[in-house]
Amino acid sequence: MKIKKLRSYYATEMRKAGLLSEQIDLIEGRIGKSIFLMHYFKENPKLLSEKILDLLPSLENNFDYLKIES
């Protein structure tokens, strides 16, 4: 399985679960060039990590389908 496909799957599932695209970019190590992201977007890392940890079981359950597809 290619890393790009795994990253795409992860981002898609996180977005479906209600995370903002800015939060997903932050998790994946991307920083946007917009003024909002650079100066005003302040995310609480503890709360964001708790959201992600809550979503991981659903990602793991769907991961078998992704392996079959590739």
C-alpha atoms as a PDB file:
ATOM      1  CA  MET A   1       0.000   0.000   0.000  1.00  0.00           C
ATOM      2  CA  LYS A   2       1.309   3.406  -0.903  1.00  0.00           C
ATOM      3  CA  ILE A   3       1.746   6.021   1.812  1.00  0.00           C
ATOM      4  CA  LYS A   4      -0.124   8.577  -0.290  1.00  0.00           C
ATOM      5  CA  LYS A   5      -3.193   6.342  -0.345  1.00  0.00           C
ATOM      6  CA  LEU A   6      -3.033   5.792   3.405  1.00  0.00           C
ATOM      7  CA  ARG A   7      -2.684   9.545   4.065  1.00  0.00           C
ATOM      8  CA  SER A   8      -5.626  10.236   1.751  1.00  0.00           C
ATOM      9  CA  TYR A   9      -7.763   7.615   3.500  1.00  0.00           C
ATOM     10  CA  TYR A  10      -6.881   9.024   6.918  1.00  0.00           C
ATOM     11  CA  ALA A  11      -7.668  12.610   5.914  1.00  0.00           C
ATOM     12  CA  THR A  12     -10.960  11.611   4.281  1.00  0.00           C
ATOM     13  CA  GLU A  13     -12.132   9.633   7.292  1.00  0.00           C
ATOM     14  CA  MET A  14     -11.144  12.396   9.704  1.00  0.00           C
ATOM     15  CA  ARG A  15     -13.081  14.927   7.610  1.00  0.00           C
ATOM     16  CA  LYS A  16     -16.150  12.648   7.562  1.00  0.00           C
ATOM     17  CA  ALA A  17     -15.886  12.418  11.345  1.00  0.00           C
ATOM     18  CA  GLY A  18     -16.144  16.188  11.665  1.00  0.00           C
ATOM     19  CA  LEU A  19     -12.582  17.462  11.933  1.00  0.00           C
ATOM     20  CA  LEU A  20     -11.870  20.727  10.157  1.00  0.00           C
ATOM     21  CA  SER A  21      -9.580  20.635   7.145  1.00  0.00           C
ATOM     22  CA  GLU A  22      -7.252  22.983   9.046  1.00  0.00           C
ATOM     23  CA  GLN A  23      -7.029  20.449  11.881  1.00  0.00           C
ATOM     24  CA  ILE A  24      -6.252  17.636   9.441  1.00  0.00           C
ATOM     25  CA  ASP A  25      -3.555  19.722   7.770  1.00  0.00           C
ATOM     26  CA  LEU A  26      -2.054  20.430  11.185  1.00  0.00           C
ATOM     27  CA  ILE A  27      -2.062  16.729  12.111  1.00  0.00           C
ATOM     28  CA  GLU A  28      -0.415  15.802   8.811  1.00  0.00           C
ATOM     29  CA  GLY A  29       2.259  18.464   9.231  1.00  0.00           C
ATOM     30  CA  ARG A  30       1.043  20.953   6.652  1.00  0.00           C
ATOM     31  CA  ILE A  31       0.767  24.656   7.380  1.00  0.00           C
ATOM     32  CA  GLY A  32      -1.387  26.686   5.058  1.00  0.00           C
ATOM     33  CA  LYS A  33      -0.361  30.041   3.697  1.00  0.00           C
ATOM     34  CA  SER A  34      -3.562  31.839   4.617  1.00  0.00           C
ATOM     35  CA  ILE A  35      -3.432  34.699   7.117  1.00  0.00           C
ATOM     36  CA  PHE A  36      -6.032  32.903   9.216  1.00  0.00           C
ATOM     37  CA  LEU A  37      -3.911  29.778   9.615  1.00  0.00           C
ATOM     38  CA  MET A  38      -0.648  31.565  10.129  1.00  0.00           C
ATOM     39  CA  HIS A  39      -1.874  34.049  12.735  1.00  0.00           C
ATOM     40  CA  TYR A  40      -5.274  33.193  14.152  1.00  0.00           C
ATOM     41  CA  PHE A  41      -5.861  29.429  14.078  1.00  0.00           C
ATOM     42  CA  LYS A  42      -4.907  28.185  17.524  1.00  0.00           C
ATOM     43  CA  GLU A  43      -5.712  24.572  18.254  1.00  0.00           C
ATOM     44  CA  ASN A  44      -5.480  23.012  21.693  1.00  0.00           C
ATOM     45  CA  PRO A  45      -3.189  20.005  21.068  1.00  0.00           C
ATOM     46  CA  LYS A  46      -4.608  18.022  23.992  1.00  0.00           C
ATOM     47  CA  LEU A  47      -8.213  18.364  22.822  1.00  0.00           C
ATOM     48  CA  LEU A  48      -7.263  17.596  19.233  1.00  0.00           C
ATOM     49  CA  SER A  49      -5.344  14.480  20.268  1.00  0.00           C
ATOM     50  CA  GLU A  50      -8.330  13.305  22.337  1.00  0.00           C
ATOM     51  CA  LYS A  51     -10.626  13.718  19.313  1.00  0.00           C
ATOM     52  CA  ILE A  52      -8.235  11.730  17.147  1.00  0.00           C
ATOM     53  CA  LEU A  53      -7.799   8.956  19.705  1.00  0.00           C
ATOM     54  CA  ASP A  54     -11.586   8.632  19.928  1.00  0.00           C
ATOM     55  CA  LEU A  55     -11.784   8.233  16.143  1.00  0.00           C
ATOM     56  CA  LEU A  56      -8.984   5.678  15.764  1.00  0.00           C
ATOM     57  CA  PRO A  57     -11.095   2.558  16.479  1.00  0.00           C
ATOM     58  CA  SER A  58     -13.439   3.383  13.589  1.00  0.00           C
ATOM     59  CA  LEU A  59     -10.433   3.912  11.306  1.00  0.00           C
ATOM     60  CA  GLU A  60      -8.978   0.569  12.327  1.00  0.00           C
ATOM     61  CA  ASN A  61     -12.285  -1.208  11.676  1.00  0.00           C
ATOM     62  CA  ASN A  62     -12.396   0.148   8.125  1.00  0.00           C
ATOM     63  CA  PHE A  63      -8.703  -0.438   7.446  1.00  0.00           C
ATOM     64  CA  ASP A  64      -9.205  -4.063   6.350  1.00  0.00           C
ATOM     65  CA  TYR A  65     -11.405  -2.845   3.506  1.00  0.00           C
ATOM     66  CA  LEU A  66      -8.646  -0.502   2.381  1.00  0.00           C
ATOM     67  CA  LYS A  67      -6.066  -3.329   2.297  1.00  0.00           C
ATOM     68  CA  ILE A  68      -8.359  -5.494   0.140  1.00  0.00           C
ATOM     69  CA  GLU A  69      -8.920  -2.617  -2.284  1.00  0.00           C
ATOM     70  CA  SER A  70      -5.203  -1.996  -2.986  1.00  0.00           C
END
